[in-house]
Protein backbone atom coordinates (compact mmCIF):
# COMPACT_ATOMS: atom_id res chain seq x y z
CA MET A 1 135.17 59.43 78.61
CA LEU A 2 133.08 62.09 80.35
CA SER A 3 129.90 60.09 79.84
CA GLU A 4 131.29 56.75 81.01
CA PRO A 5 129.57 55.35 84.12
CA ALA A 6 132.91 55.08 85.93
CA PHE A 7 133.49 58.82 85.56
CA LEU A 8 129.89 59.66 86.46
CA GLY A 9 130.21 57.74 89.71
CA GLY A 10 128.78 54.42 88.63
CA VAL A 11 125.39 54.25 90.31
CA ILE A 12 124.62 57.98 90.60
CA PRO A 13 121.63 58.72 88.38
CA ALA A 14 122.51 61.47 85.94
CA ARG A 15 120.44 63.08 83.21
CA ILE A 16 122.34 64.25 80.15
CA GLN A 17 121.37 67.83 79.32
CA THR A 18 123.58 69.01 76.47
CA VAL A 19 125.63 67.09 73.92
CA GLU A 20 127.52 69.09 71.32
CA PRO A 21 130.38 66.80 70.19
CA PRO A 22 133.24 67.30 70.54
CA ARG A 23 133.02 70.54 72.53
CA VAL A 24 130.25 70.48 75.18
CA LEU A 25 128.71 67.90 77.49
CA SER A 26 126.53 68.62 80.49
CA TRP A 27 124.45 66.60 82.88
CA GLN A 28 122.28 67.07 85.94
CA TRP A 29 122.70 64.94 89.00
CA PRO A 30 120.49 64.90 92.09
CA GLN A 31 121.48 66.49 95.36
CA GLY A 32 118.74 64.88 97.44
CA ALA A 33 118.09 61.36 98.64
CA ALA A 34 120.21 58.45 97.40
CA GLY A 35 118.84 56.99 94.19
CA GLU A 36 116.63 60.00 93.48
CA GLU A 37 116.20 60.78 89.79
CA PRO A 38 117.43 64.24 88.80
CA ASP A 39 114.99 66.94 87.76
CA ASP A 40 115.03 70.73 87.55
CA SER A 41 114.14 71.13 91.23
CA ASN A 42 116.68 68.81 92.86
CA ALA A 43 119.76 68.67 90.67
CA ALA A 44 123.04 70.47 90.13
CA LEU A 45 124.31 70.97 86.59
CA VAL A 46 127.82 69.90 85.61
CA GLU A 47 129.06 71.29 82.29
CA PHE A 48 132.27 70.38 80.49
CA THR A 49 133.62 72.53 77.67
CA VAL A 50 136.61 71.50 75.53
CA THR A 51 138.60 74.18 73.70
CA GLU A 52 141.89 74.34 71.85
CA ASP A 53 144.43 76.32 73.84
CA ASP A 54 147.52 77.47 71.94
CA SER A 55 149.09 78.80 75.16
CA ILE A 56 149.50 75.22 76.44
CA GLY A 57 149.84 73.60 73.04
CA GLY A 58 146.85 71.37 73.50
CA THR A 59 143.33 71.11 74.75
CA ARG A 60 141.74 72.77 77.77
CA LEU A 61 138.86 71.16 79.65
CA THR A 62 136.71 73.50 81.72
CA MET A 63 134.24 72.12 84.23
CA VAL A 64 131.58 74.24 85.92
CA GLU A 65 129.11 72.92 88.48
CA SER A 66 126.12 75.13 89.18
CA GLY A 67 122.53 75.11 90.34
CA PHE A 68 122.91 74.94 94.09
CA ALA A 69 121.05 78.23 94.62
CA HIS A 70 117.80 76.88 93.11
CA LEU A 71 117.71 73.78 95.34
CA GLY A 72 115.91 75.71 98.07
CA LEU A 73 118.52 74.76 100.68
CA PRO A 74 119.70 77.07 103.44
CA THR A 75 122.80 78.94 102.23
CA ASP A 76 125.16 77.11 104.57
CA GLU A 77 123.85 73.69 103.47
CA ALA A 78 124.15 74.59 99.77
CA THR A 79 127.70 75.79 100.43
CA ASP A 80 128.53 72.56 102.29
CA ARG A 81 127.19 70.41 99.43
CA HIS A 82 129.13 72.38 96.84
CA ARG A 83 132.29 72.09 98.95
CA ALA A 84 131.78 68.32 99.37
CA ASN A 85 131.25 67.87 95.64
CA SER A 86 134.35 69.95 94.90
CA ARG A 87 136.60 67.83 97.13
CA ASN A 88 136.23 64.87 94.79
CA ARG A 89 136.81 66.80 91.57
CA PRO A 90 140.63 67.13 91.51
CA GLY A 91 141.16 63.36 91.73
CA LYS A 92 138.49 62.65 89.13
CA LEU A 93 139.89 65.26 86.75
CA ASP A 94 143.45 64.00 87.26
CA GLN A 95 142.29 60.48 86.42
CA LEU A 96 140.43 61.78 83.38
CA GLY A 97 143.59 63.53 82.19
CA ALA A 98 145.64 60.35 82.61
CA ASP A 99 143.00 58.31 80.77
CA CYS A 100 142.92 60.83 77.91
CA GLU A 101 146.71 60.73 77.56
CA GLN A 102 146.46 56.96 77.12
CA THR A 103 143.83 57.24 74.39
CA THR A 104 144.56 57.77 70.72
CA VAL A 105 142.02 59.54 68.56
């Protein structure tokens, strides 16, 4: 589900970085102009890690977005971009959780 275009934002170009089924998936996505292809100089990295968590009796999904410091942006602009990206995450992760609950493995 993490690699589905709907979860990735549909038309946002993303470059898969790491695939270690079923535990790790990461991708880069550009922080510059619309439609720009991601590369090491213009992209943030989003990494998902799945672990068993006995304390909740299930699975824990951890998401970390990084890479804003290397974009060469002024600190306040990098902070603003990170904040803007973070605003969308709770809704996306809630939807992901609901979708996962509906899926049988």
